[in-house]
Amino acid sequence: MDGATLLHELQQRGLRLSPKPGDILHVEPSDLLTSELRQLIRHHKPALLALLTHPHINTRGELIIPSTSDRRYHYWAGGQSIAATLRELGVSEDVWRRYTDVPYGKVQ
């Protein structure tokens, strides 16, 4: 299982994950955690933190910009353009066209 699959499974089970300073991963409600889930979370912690704090393209080709990511990616709050983020991620032309009319690879 990879980090993205685990994150999806945890969310489906009603668990909420949030990054905290110092590379801490907070999971709630903790009473839903089994020892198996705790072990999986520990094993995949770096990947889970990355998914929660960095823009990425999910398995369906969707751009995910977590609210817990660096504010520079928050285009809705004066951050860089979506095109700039897509270029950083090195997305395919297909994904690029889904999110912007800017010519492929160009940044506004």
Protein backbone atom coordinates (compact mmCIF):
# COMPACT_ATOMS: atom_id res chain seq x y z
CA MET A 1 0.00 0.00 0.00
CA ASP A 2 1.31 3.45 -0.84
CA GLY A 3 0.78 6.67 1.12
CA ALA A 4 -2.00 7.98 -1.13
CA THR A 5 -3.98 4.75 -0.84
CA LEU A 6 -3.52 4.72 2.92
CA LEU A 7 -4.59 8.36 3.24
CA HIS A 8 -7.74 7.63 1.23
CA GLU A 9 -8.51 4.57 3.35
CA LEU A 10 -8.02 6.49 6.59
CA GLN A 11 -10.30 9.28 5.39
CA GLN A 12 -12.92 6.73 4.33
CA ARG A 13 -12.83 5.38 7.90
CA GLY A 14 -13.57 8.85 9.25
CA LEU A 15 -10.05 9.68 10.42
CA ARG A 16 -8.68 13.19 10.00
CA LEU A 17 -4.95 13.71 9.61
CA SER A 18 -3.23 17.03 10.11
CA PRO A 19 0.43 17.97 10.06
CA LYS A 20 1.85 19.75 13.08
CA PRO A 21 5.19 21.56 13.50
CA GLY A 22 8.19 19.30 13.93
CA ASP A 23 7.04 16.64 11.43
CA ILE A 24 4.28 15.50 13.74
CA LEU A 25 1.22 13.84 12.26
CA HIS A 26 -1.93 14.28 14.32
CA VAL A 27 -4.70 11.72 13.76
CA GLU A 28 -8.19 12.01 15.17
CA PRO A 29 -10.36 10.58 16.48
CA SER A 30 -7.74 8.36 18.04
CA ASP A 31 -10.27 5.83 19.29
CA LEU A 32 -10.75 4.67 15.67
CA LEU A 33 -7.09 3.71 15.38
CA THR A 34 -6.24 0.04 15.54
CA SER A 35 -2.73 -1.19 16.22
CA GLU A 36 -2.49 -2.22 12.55
CA LEU A 37 -3.45 1.29 11.40
CA ARG A 38 -0.98 2.88 13.82
CA GLN A 39 1.78 0.71 12.37
CA LEU A 40 0.81 1.59 8.79
CA ILE A 41 0.70 5.30 9.64
CA ARG A 42 4.17 5.13 11.22
CA HIS A 43 5.55 3.28 8.21
CA HIS A 44 4.05 5.76 5.72
CA LYS A 45 4.45 8.91 7.83
CA PRO A 46 6.84 10.75 5.44
CA ALA A 47 4.55 10.08 2.47
CA LEU A 48 1.44 11.08 4.44
CA LEU A 49 3.07 14.33 5.59
CA ALA A 50 4.09 15.10 2.00
CA LEU A 51 0.55 14.49 0.74
CA LEU A 52 -0.85 16.77 3.43
CA THR A 53 1.65 19.60 2.94
CA HIS A 54 2.56 19.69 -0.77
CA PRO A 55 0.55 20.07 -3.96
CA HIS A 56 0.32 16.86 -5.96
CA ILE A 57 -1.63 15.10 -8.66
CA ASN A 58 -3.71 12.21 -7.38
CA THR A 59 -4.30 8.92 -9.18
CA ARG A 60 -7.29 10.40 -11.02
CA GLY A 61 -5.17 13.22 -12.45
CA GLU A 62 -6.65 15.82 -10.11
CA LEU A 63 -4.59 18.68 -8.73
CA ILE A 64 -4.63 18.60 -4.94
CA ILE A 65 -3.47 21.70 -3.09
CA PRO A 66 -3.86 21.02 0.64
CA SER A 67 -4.92 23.93 2.80
CA THR A 68 -1.95 22.97 4.99
CA SER A 69 0.51 23.49 2.14
CA ASP A 70 2.83 26.50 1.87
CA ARG A 71 0.74 29.65 1.29
CA ARG A 72 2.57 30.34 -1.95
CA TYR A 73 0.49 27.55 -3.55
CA HIS A 74 -2.80 29.10 -2.39
CA TYR A 75 -3.78 30.76 -5.68
CA TRP A 76 -7.18 31.55 -4.12
CA ALA A 77 -5.47 33.76 -1.52
CA GLY A 78 -2.96 35.63 -3.67
CA GLY A 79 -0.43 32.81 -4.06
CA GLN A 80 1.21 31.80 -7.30
CA SER A 81 -0.89 30.85 -10.32
CA ILE A 82 -2.14 27.35 -10.91
CA ALA A 83 0.07 27.27 -14.03
CA ALA A 84 3.16 27.95 -11.90
CA THR A 85 2.24 25.11 -9.55
CA LEU A 86 1.53 22.75 -12.45
CA ARG A 87 4.90 23.59 -13.99
CA GLU A 88 6.63 22.86 -10.66
CA LEU A 89 4.89 19.50 -10.55
CA GLY A 90 5.89 18.68 -14.13
CA VAL A 91 2.40 17.54 -15.10
CA SER A 92 1.38 16.06 -18.43
CA GLU A 93 -0.20 18.23 -21.08
CA ASP A 94 -3.53 16.49 -20.44
CA VAL A 95 -3.53 17.49 -16.76
CA TRP A 96 -2.28 20.98 -17.66
CA ARG A 97 -5.22 21.58 -20.03
CA ARG A 98 -7.69 20.42 -17.37
CA TYR A 99 -6.71 23.34 -15.11
CA THR A 100 -5.58 26.25 -17.25
CA ASP A 101 -5.86 27.89 -20.66
CA VAL A 102 -2.25 29.04 -20.42
CA PRO A 103 -0.18 27.36 -23.17
CA TYR A 104 1.43 24.14 -21.94
CA GLY A 105 4.53 24.78 -19.84
CA LYS A 106 4.13 28.57 -19.86
CA VAL A 107 3.66 30.52 -16.66
CA GLN A 108 1.67 33.73 -16.40
